[in-house]
Amino acid sequence: RAGKVFLDSTRSGGATVVAAYSPRLRPGLPVSFPVA
C-alpha cells in the first residue's frame, strides 16, 4: 500500500459493517458518526 489509503471493496455478501451510531471498543469509546 506504500502509505496510501486502502479502498476496501470486500464488504459485501455475508459481510457486516459497524452500524451508524454504534460505539467502538477503543479508548474513549468513539462512535461511528454520520458526516456531511
ModelCIF file with pLDDT and N, C-alpha, C, O atoms, coordinates in Angstrom:
data_MODEL
#
_entry.id   MODEL 
#
_entity.id                         1 
_entity.type                       polymer 
_entity.pdbx_number_of_molecules   1 
#
_entity_poly.entity_id                      1 
_entity_poly.type                           'polypeptide(L)' 
_entity_poly.nstd_linkage                   no 
_entity_poly.nstd_monomer                   no 
_entity_poly.pdbx_seq_one_letter_code       RAGKVFLDSTRSGGATVVAAYSPRLRPGLPVSFPVA 
_entity_poly.pdbx_seq_one_letter_code_can   RAGKVFLDSTRSGGATVVAAYSPRLRPGLPVSFPVA 
_entity_poly.pdbx_strand_id                 A 
#
loop_
_entity_poly_seq.entity_id 
_entity_poly_seq.num 
_entity_poly_seq.mon_id 
_entity_poly_seq.hetero 
1 1  ARG n 
1 2  ALA n 
1 3  GLY n 
1 4  LYS n 
1 5  VAL n 
1 6  PHE n 
1 7  LEU n 
1 8  ASP n 
1 9  SER n 
1 10 THR n 
1 11 ARG n 
1 12 SER n 
1 13 GLY n 
1 14 GLY n 
1 15 ALA n 
1 16 THR n 
1 17 VAL n 
1 18 VAL n 
1 19 ALA n 
1 20 ALA n 
1 21 TYR n 
1 22 SER n 
1 23 PRO n 
1 24 ARG n 
1 25 LEU n 
1 26 ARG n 
1 27 PRO n 
1 28 GLY n 
1 29 LEU n 
1 30 PRO n 
1 31 VAL n 
1 32 SER n 
1 33 PHE n 
1 34 PRO n 
1 35 VAL n 
1 36 ALA n 
#
_struct_asym.id          A 
_struct_asym.entity_id   1 
#
loop_
_ma_qa_metric.id 
_ma_qa_metric.mode 
_ma_qa_metric.name 
_ma_qa_metric.software_group_id 
_ma_qa_metric.type 
1 global pLDDT . pLDDT 
2 local  pLDDT . pLDDT 
#
_ma_qa_metric_global.metric_id      1 
_ma_qa_metric_global.metric_value   93.44 
_ma_qa_metric_global.model_id       1 
_ma_qa_metric_global.ordinal_id     1 
#
loop_
_ma_qa_metric_local.label_asym_id 
_ma_qa_metric_local.label_comp_id 
_ma_qa_metric_local.label_seq_id 
_ma_qa_metric_local.metric_id 
_ma_qa_metric_local.metric_value 
_ma_qa_metric_local.model_id 
_ma_qa_metric_local.ordinal_id 
A ARG 1  2 87.00 1 1  
A ALA 2  2 88.00 1 2  
A GLY 3  2 90.00 1 3  
A LYS 4  2 95.00 1 4  
A VAL 5  2 96.00 1 5  
A PHE 6  2 96.00 1 6  
A LEU 7  2 96.00 1 7  
A ASP 8  2 95.00 1 8  
A SER 9  2 94.00 1 9  
A THR 10 2 92.00 1 10 
A ARG 11 2 88.00 1 11 
A SER 12 2 83.00 1 12 
A GLY 13 2 75.00 1 13 
A GLY 14 2 74.00 1 14 
A ALA 15 2 86.00 1 15 
A THR 16 2 91.00 1 16 
A VAL 17 2 95.00 1 17 
A VAL 18 2 97.00 1 18 
A ALA 19 2 98.00 1 19 
A ALA 20 2 98.00 1 20 
A TYR 21 2 98.00 1 21 
A SER 22 2 98.00 1 22 
A PRO 23 2 98.00 1 23 
A ARG 24 2 97.00 1 24 
A LEU 25 2 96.00 1 25 
A ARG 26 2 95.00 1 26 
A PRO 27 2 94.00 1 27 
A GLY 28 2 94.00 1 28 
A LEU 29 2 96.00 1 29 
A PRO 30 2 97.00 1 30 
A VAL 31 2 98.00 1 31 
A SER 32 2 98.00 1 32 
A PHE 33 2 98.00 1 33 
A PRO 34 2 98.00 1 34 
A VAL 35 2 98.00 1 35 
A ALA 36 2 97.00 1 36 
#
loop_
_atom_site.group_PDB 
_atom_site.id 
_atom_site.type_symbol 
_atom_site.label_atom_id 
_atom_site.label_alt_id 
_atom_site.label_comp_id 
_atom_site.label_asym_id 
_atom_site.label_entity_id 
_atom_site.label_seq_id 
_atom_site.pdbx_PDB_ins_code 
_atom_site.Cartn_x 
_atom_site.Cartn_y 
_atom_site.Cartn_z 
_atom_site.occupancy 
_atom_site.B_iso_or_equiv 
_atom_site.pdbx_formal_charge 
_atom_site.auth_seq_id 
_atom_site.auth_comp_id 
_atom_site.auth_asym_id 
_atom_site.auth_atom_id 
_atom_site.pdbx_PDB_model_num 
ATOM 1   N N  . ARG A 1 1  ? 0.809   -1.227  0.000  1.00 87.00 ? 1  ARG A N  1 
ATOM 2   C CA . ARG A 1 1  ? 0.000   0.000   0.000  1.00 87.00 ? 1  ARG A CA 1 
ATOM 3   C C  . ARG A 1 1  ? 0.839   1.273   0.000  1.00 87.00 ? 1  ARG A C  1 
ATOM 4   O O  . ARG A 1 1  ? 0.328   2.337   -0.347 1.00 87.00 ? 1  ARG A O  1 
ATOM 5   N N  . ALA A 1 2  ? 2.078   1.193   0.370  1.00 88.00 ? 2  ALA A N  1 
ATOM 6   C CA . ALA A 1 2  ? 3.007   2.326   0.270  1.00 88.00 ? 2  ALA A CA 1 
ATOM 7   C C  . ALA A 1 2  ? 2.473   3.594   0.933  1.00 88.00 ? 2  ALA A C  1 
ATOM 8   O O  . ALA A 1 2  ? 2.616   4.689   0.389  1.00 88.00 ? 2  ALA A O  1 
ATOM 9   N N  . GLY A 1 3  ? 1.863   3.446   2.094  1.00 90.00 ? 3  GLY A N  1 
ATOM 10  C CA . GLY A 1 3  ? 1.415   4.609   2.837  1.00 90.00 ? 3  GLY A CA 1 
ATOM 11  C C  . GLY A 1 3  ? 0.172   5.283   2.291  1.00 90.00 ? 3  GLY A C  1 
ATOM 12  O O  . GLY A 1 3  ? -0.116  6.427   2.644  1.00 90.00 ? 3  GLY A O  1 
ATOM 13  N N  . LYS A 1 4  ? -0.561  4.599   1.444  1.00 95.00 ? 4  LYS A N  1 
ATOM 14  C CA . LYS A 1 4  ? -1.772  5.175   0.845  1.00 95.00 ? 4  LYS A CA 1 
ATOM 15  C C  . LYS A 1 4  ? -3.016  4.684   1.595  1.00 95.00 ? 4  LYS A C  1 
ATOM 16  O O  . LYS A 1 4  ? -2.946  3.745   2.388  1.00 95.00 ? 4  LYS A O  1 
ATOM 17  N N  . VAL A 1 5  ? -4.143  5.329   1.335  1.00 96.00 ? 5  VAL A N  1 
ATOM 18  C CA . VAL A 1 5  ? -5.420  4.919   1.918  1.00 96.00 ? 5  VAL A CA 1 
ATOM 19  C C  . VAL A 1 5  ? -5.942  3.711   1.147  1.00 96.00 ? 5  VAL A C  1 
ATOM 20  O O  . VAL A 1 5  ? -6.022  3.738   -0.082 1.00 96.00 ? 5  VAL A O  1 
ATOM 21  N N  . PHE A 1 6  ? -6.294  2.662   1.867  1.00 96.00 ? 6  PHE A N  1 
ATOM 22  C CA . PHE A 1 6  ? -6.791  1.439   1.255  1.00 96.00 ? 6  PHE A CA 1 
ATOM 23  C C  . PHE A 1 6  ? -8.291  1.552   1.016  1.00 96.00 ? 6  PHE A C  1 
ATOM 24  O O  . PHE A 1 6  ? -9.057  1.801   1.947  1.00 96.00 ? 6  PHE A O  1 
ATOM 25  N N  . LEU A 1 7  ? -8.704  1.367   -0.232 1.00 96.00 ? 7  LEU A N  1 
ATOM 26  C CA . LEU A 1 7  ? -10.124 1.348   -0.589 1.00 96.00 ? 7  LEU A CA 1 
ATOM 27  C C  . LEU A 1 7  ? -10.583 -0.106  -0.541 1.00 96.00 ? 7  LEU A C  1 
ATOM 28  O O  . LEU A 1 7  ? -10.418 -0.857  -1.502 1.00 96.00 ? 7  LEU A O  1 
ATOM 29  N N  . ASP A 1 8  ? -11.157 -0.484  0.582  1.00 95.00 ? 8  ASP A N  1 
ATOM 30  C CA . ASP A 1 8  ? -11.529 -1.876  0.827  1.00 95.00 ? 8  ASP A CA 1 
ATOM 31  C C  . ASP A 1 8  ? -12.882 -2.155  0.191  1.00 95.00 ? 8  ASP A C  1 
ATOM 32  O O  . ASP A 1 8  ? -13.903 -1.607  0.605  1.00 95.00 ? 8  ASP A O  1 
ATOM 33  N N  . SER A 1 9  ? -12.873 -3.015  -0.820 1.00 94.00 ? 9  SER A N  1 
ATOM 34  C CA . SER A 1 9  ? -14.098 -3.340  -1.549 1.00 94.00 ? 9  SER A CA 1 
ATOM 35  C C  . SER A 1 9  ? -14.672 -4.688  -1.154 1.00 94.00 ? 9  SER A C  1 
ATOM 36  O O  . SER A 1 9  ? -15.515 -5.227  -1.872 1.00 94.00 ? 9  SER A O  1 
ATOM 37  N N  . THR A 1 10 ? -14.237 -5.248  -0.025 1.00 92.00 ? 10 THR A N  1 
ATOM 38  C CA . THR A 1 10 ? -14.630 -6.611  0.338  1.00 92.00 ? 10 THR A CA 1 
ATOM 39  C C  . THR A 1 10 ? -15.845 -6.672  1.258  1.00 92.00 ? 10 THR A C  1 
ATOM 40  O O  . THR A 1 10 ? -16.252 -7.760  1.664  1.00 92.00 ? 10 THR A O  1 
ATOM 41  N N  . ARG A 1 11 ? -16.433 -5.519  1.595  1.00 88.00 ? 11 ARG A N  1 
ATOM 42  C CA . ARG A 1 11 ? -17.612 -5.524  2.468  1.00 88.00 ? 11 ARG A CA 1 
ATOM 43  C C  . ARG A 1 11 ? -18.852 -5.787  1.622  1.00 88.00 ? 11 ARG A C  1 
ATOM 44  O O  . ARG A 1 11 ? -19.566 -4.859  1.241  1.00 88.00 ? 11 ARG A O  1 
ATOM 45  N N  . SER A 1 12 ? -19.097 -7.042  1.337  1.00 83.00 ? 12 SER A N  1 
ATOM 46  C CA . SER A 1 12 ? -20.238 -7.398  0.504  1.00 83.00 ? 12 SER A CA 1 
ATOM 47  C C  . SER A 1 12 ? -20.709 -8.794  0.881  1.00 83.00 ? 12 SER A C  1 
ATOM 48  O O  . SER A 1 12 ? -20.079 -9.476  1.689  1.00 83.00 ? 12 SER A O  1 
ATOM 49  N N  . GLY A 1 13 ? -21.805 -9.205  0.297  1.00 75.00 ? 13 GLY A N  1 
ATOM 50  C CA . GLY A 1 13 ? -22.324 -10.549 0.555  1.00 75.00 ? 13 GLY A CA 1 
ATOM 51  C C  . GLY A 1 13 ? -22.655 -10.760 2.019  1.00 75.00 ? 13 GLY A C  1 
ATOM 52  O O  . GLY A 1 13 ? -23.513 -10.078 2.579  1.00 75.00 ? 13 GLY A O  1 
ATOM 53  N N  . GLY A 1 14 ? -21.959 -11.720 2.639  1.00 74.00 ? 14 GLY A N  1 
ATOM 54  C CA . GLY A 1 14 ? -22.234 -12.061 4.026  1.00 74.00 ? 14 GLY A CA 1 
ATOM 55  C C  . GLY A 1 14 ? -21.498 -11.210 5.034  1.00 74.00 ? 14 GLY A C  1 
ATOM 56  O O  . GLY A 1 14 ? -21.497 -11.524 6.224  1.00 74.00 ? 14 GLY A O  1 
ATOM 57  N N  . ALA A 1 15 ? -20.876 -10.144 4.583  1.00 86.00 ? 15 ALA A N  1 
ATOM 58  C CA . ALA A 1 15 ? -20.100 -9.300  5.496  1.00 86.00 ? 15 ALA A CA 1 
ATOM 59  C C  . ALA A 1 15 ? -21.014 -8.467  6.384  1.00 86.00 ? 15 ALA A C  1 
ATOM 60  O O  . ALA A 1 15 ? -22.218 -8.368  6.149  1.00 86.00 ? 15 ALA A O  1 
ATOM 61  N N  . THR A 1 16 ? -20.415 -7.873  7.407  1.00 91.00 ? 16 THR A N  1 
ATOM 62  C CA . THR A 1 16 ? -21.102 -6.904  8.249  1.00 91.00 ? 16 THR A CA 1 
ATOM 63  C C  . THR A 1 16 ? -20.274 -5.623  8.273  1.00 91.00 ? 16 THR A C  1 
ATOM 64  O O  . THR A 1 16 ? -19.082 -5.631  7.965  1.00 91.00 ? 16 THR A O  1 
ATOM 65  N N  . VAL A 1 17 ? -20.922 -4.534  8.643  1.00 95.00 ? 17 VAL A N  1 
ATOM 66  C CA . VAL A 1 17 ? -20.239 -3.253  8.827  1.00 95.00 ? 17 VAL A CA 1 
ATOM 67  C C  . VAL A 1 17 ? -20.802 -2.622  10.085 1.00 95.00 ? 17 VAL A C  1 
ATOM 68  O O  . VAL A 1 17 ? -22.009 -2.671  10.323 1.00 95.00 ? 17 VAL A O  1 
ATOM 69  N N  . VAL A 1 18 ? -19.938 -2.034  10.886 1.00 97.00 ? 18 VAL A N  1 
ATOM 70  C CA . VAL A 1 18 ? -20.416 -1.424  12.121 1.00 97.00 ? 18 VAL A CA 1 
ATOM 71  C C  . VAL A 1 18 ? -21.492 -0.379  11.809 1.00 97.00 ? 18 VAL A C  1 
ATOM 72  O O  . VAL A 1 18 ? -21.367 0.401   10.865 1.00 97.00 ? 18 VAL A O  1 
ATOM 73  N N  . ALA A 1 19 ? -22.540 -0.383  12.616 1.00 98.00 ? 19 ALA A N  1 
ATOM 74  C CA . ALA A 1 19 ? -23.702 0.469   12.356 1.00 98.00 ? 19 ALA A CA 1 
ATOM 75  C C  . ALA A 1 19 ? -23.406 1.937   12.629 1.00 98.00 ? 19 ALA A C  1 
ATOM 76  O O  . ALA A 1 19 ? -22.572 2.270   13.472 1.00 98.00 ? 19 ALA A O  1 
ATOM 77  N N  . ALA A 1 20 ? -24.091 2.801   11.912 1.00 98.00 ? 20 ALA A N  1 
ATOM 78  C CA . ALA A 1 20 ? -24.089 4.222   12.277 1.00 98.00 ? 20 ALA A CA 1 
ATOM 79  C C  . ALA A 1 20 ? -24.581 4.356   13.707 1.00 98.00 ? 20 ALA A C  1 
ATOM 80  O O  . ALA A 1 20 ? -25.548 3.708   14.108 1.00 98.00 ? 20 ALA A O  1 
ATOM 81  N N  . TYR A 1 21 ? -23.912 5.194   14.463 1.00 98.00 ? 21 TYR A N  1 
ATOM 82  C CA . TYR A 1 21 ? -24.184 5.483   15.876 1.00 98.00 ? 21 TYR A CA 1 
ATOM 83  C C  . TYR A 1 21 ? -23.652 4.417   16.831 1.00 98.00 ? 21 TYR A C  1 
ATOM 84  O O  . TYR A 1 21 ? -23.769 4.576   18.046 1.00 98.00 ? 21 TYR A O  1 
ATOM 85  N N  . SER A 1 22 ? -23.074 3.344   16.315 1.00 98.00 ? 22 SER A N  1 
ATOM 86  C CA . SER A 1 22 ? -22.523 2.326   17.213 1.00 98.00 ? 22 SER A CA 1 
ATOM 87  C C  . SER A 1 22 ? -21.236 2.816   17.859 1.00 98.00 ? 22 SER A C  1 
ATOM 88  O O  . SER A 1 22 ? -20.397 3.414   17.186 1.00 98.00 ? 22 SER A O  1 
ATOM 89  N N  . PRO A 1 23 ? -21.067 2.569   19.164 1.00 98.00 ? 23 PRO A N  1 
ATOM 90  C CA . PRO A 1 23 ? -19.757 2.802   19.784 1.00 98.00 ? 23 PRO A CA 1 
ATOM 91  C C  . PRO A 1 23 ? -18.729 1.824   19.221 1.00 98.00 ? 23 PRO A C  1 
ATOM 92  O O  . PRO A 1 23 ? -19.090 0.811   18.622 1.00 98.00 ? 23 PRO A O  1 
ATOM 93  N N  . ARG A 1 24 ? -17.462 2.128   19.414 1.00 97.00 ? 24 ARG A N  1 
ATOM 94  C CA . ARG A 1 24 ? -16.374 1.225   19.055 1.00 97.00 ? 24 ARG A CA 1 
ATOM 95  C C  . ARG A 1 24 ? -15.558 0.914   20.298 1.00 97.00 ? 24 ARG A C  1 
ATOM 96  O O  . ARG A 1 24 ? -15.431 1.743   21.199 1.00 97.00 ? 24 ARG A O  1 
ATOM 97  N N  . LEU A 1 25 ? -15.019 -0.269  20.334 1.00 96.00 ? 25 LEU A N  1 
ATOM 98  C CA . LEU A 1 25 ? -14.274 -0.717  21.502 1.00 96.00 ? 25 LEU A CA 1 
ATOM 99  C C  . LEU A 1 25 ? -12.847 -0.195  21.408 1.00 96.00 ? 25 LEU A C  1 
ATOM 100 O O  . LEU A 1 25 ? -11.909 -0.930  21.097 1.00 96.00 ? 25 LEU A O  1 
ATOM 101 N N  . ARG A 1 26 ? -12.716 1.086   21.684 1.00 95.00 ? 26 ARG A N  1 
ATOM 102 C CA . ARG A 1 26 ? -11.433 1.772   21.628 1.00 95.00 ? 26 ARG A CA 1 
ATOM 103 C C  . ARG A 1 26 ? -11.386 2.803   22.751 1.00 95.00 ? 26 ARG A C  1 
ATOM 104 O O  . ARG A 1 26 ? -12.430 3.205   23.263 1.00 95.00 ? 26 ARG A O  1 
ATOM 105 N N  . PRO A 1 27 ? -10.194 3.232   23.136 1.00 94.00 ? 27 PRO A N  1 
ATOM 106 C CA . PRO A 1 27 ? -10.106 4.224   24.213 1.00 94.00 ? 27 PRO A CA 1 
ATOM 107 C C  . PRO A 1 27 ? -11.002 5.429   23.958 1.00 94.00 ? 27 PRO A C  1 
ATOM 108 O O  . PRO A 1 27 ? -11.023 5.980   22.858 1.00 94.00 ? 27 PRO A O  1 
ATOM 109 N N  . GLY A 1 28 ? -11.735 5.827   24.982 1.00 94.00 ? 28 GLY A N  1 
ATOM 110 C CA . GLY A 1 28 ? -12.624 6.971   24.853 1.00 94.00 ? 28 GLY A CA 1 
ATOM 111 C C  . GLY A 1 28 ? -13.980 6.663   24.257 1.00 94.00 ? 28 GLY A C  1 
ATOM 112 O O  . GLY A 1 28 ? -14.840 7.541   24.187 1.00 94.00 ? 28 GLY A O  1 
ATOM 113 N N  . LEU A 1 29 ? -14.188 5.413   23.820 1.00 96.00 ? 29 LEU A N  1 
ATOM 114 C CA . LEU A 1 29 ? -15.449 4.968   23.206 1.00 96.00 ? 29 LEU A CA 1 
ATOM 115 C C  . LEU A 1 29 ? -15.934 5.909   22.103 1.00 96.00 ? 29 LEU A C  1 
ATOM 116 O O  . LEU A 1 29 ? -16.972 6.555   22.248 1.00 96.00 ? 29 LEU A O  1 
ATOM 117 N N  . PRO A 1 30 ? -15.184 5.987   21.001 1.00 97.00 ? 30 PRO A N  1 
ATOM 118 C CA . PRO A 1 30 ? -15.658 6.758   19.849 1.00 97.00 ? 30 PRO A CA 1 
ATOM 119 C C  . PRO A 1 30 ? -16.890 6.095   19.234 1.00 97.00 ? 30 PRO A C  1 
ATOM 120 O O  . PRO A 1 30 ? -17.197 4.935   19.510 1.00 97.00 ? 30 PRO A O  1 
ATOM 121 N N  . VAL A 1 31 ? -17.581 6.860   18.400 1.00 98.00 ? 31 VAL A N  1 
ATOM 122 C CA . VAL A 1 31 ? -18.834 6.422   17.791 1.00 98.00 ? 31 VAL A CA 1 
ATOM 123 C C  . VAL A 1 31 ? -18.718 6.562   16.274 1.00 98.00 ? 31 VAL A C  1 
ATOM 124 O O  . VAL A 1 31 ? -18.128 7.520   15.776 1.00 98.00 ? 31 VAL A O  1 
ATOM 125 N N  . SER A 1 32 ? -19.287 5.600   15.547 1.00 98.00 ? 32 SER A N  1 
ATOM 126 C CA . SER A 1 32 ? -19.389 5.730   14.099 1.00 98.00 ? 32 SER A CA 1 
ATOM 127 C C  . SER A 1 32 ? -20.476 6.758   13.798 1.00 98.00 ? 32 SER A C  1 
ATOM 128 O O  . SER A 1 32 ? -21.652 6.532   14.083 1.00 98.00 ? 32 SER A O  1 
ATOM 129 N N  . PHE A 1 33 ? -20.070 7.891   13.220 1.00 98.00 ? 33 PHE A N  1 
ATOM 130 C CA . PHE A 1 33 ? -20.962 9.062   13.197 1.00 98.00 ? 33 PHE A CA 1 
ATOM 131 C C  . PHE A 1 33 ? -21.138 9.601   11.782 1.00 98.00 ? 33 PHE A C  1 
ATOM 132 O O  . PHE A 1 33 ? -20.155 9.754   11.057 1.00 98.00 ? 33 PHE A O  1 
ATOM 133 N N  . PRO A 1 34 ? -22.380 9.893   11.375 1.00 98.00 ? 34 PRO A N  1 
ATOM 134 C CA . PRO A 1 34 ? -22.625 10.465  10.042 1.00 98.00 ? 34 PRO A CA 1 
ATOM 135 C C  . PRO A 1 34 ? -22.028 11.862  9.912  1.00 98.00 ? 34 PRO A C  1 
ATOM 136 O O  . PRO A 1 34 ? -22.094 12.673  10.836 1.00 98.00 ? 34 PRO A O  1 
ATOM 137 N N  . VAL A 1 35 ? -21.447 12.123  8.749  1.00 98.00 ? 35 VAL A N  1 
ATOM 138 C CA . VAL A 1 35 ? -20.854 13.433  8.474  1.00 98.00 ? 35 VAL A CA 1 
ATOM 139 C C  . VAL A 1 35 ? -21.260 13.856  7.065  1.00 98.00 ? 35 VAL A C  1 
ATOM 140 O O  . VAL A 1 35 ? -21.253 13.039  6.144  1.00 98.00 ? 35 VAL A O  1 
ATOM 141 N N  . ALA A 1 36 ? -21.605 15.098  6.900  1.00 97.00 ? 36 ALA A N  1 
ATOM 142 C CA . ALA A 1 36 ? -21.886 15.614  5.553  1.00 97.00 ? 36 ALA A CA 1 
ATOM 143 C C  . ALA A 1 36 ? -20.596 15.598  4.736  1.00 97.00 ? 36 ALA A C  1 
ATOM 144 O O  . ALA A 1 36 ? -20.599 15.991  3.570  1.00 97.00 ? 36 ALA A O  1 
#
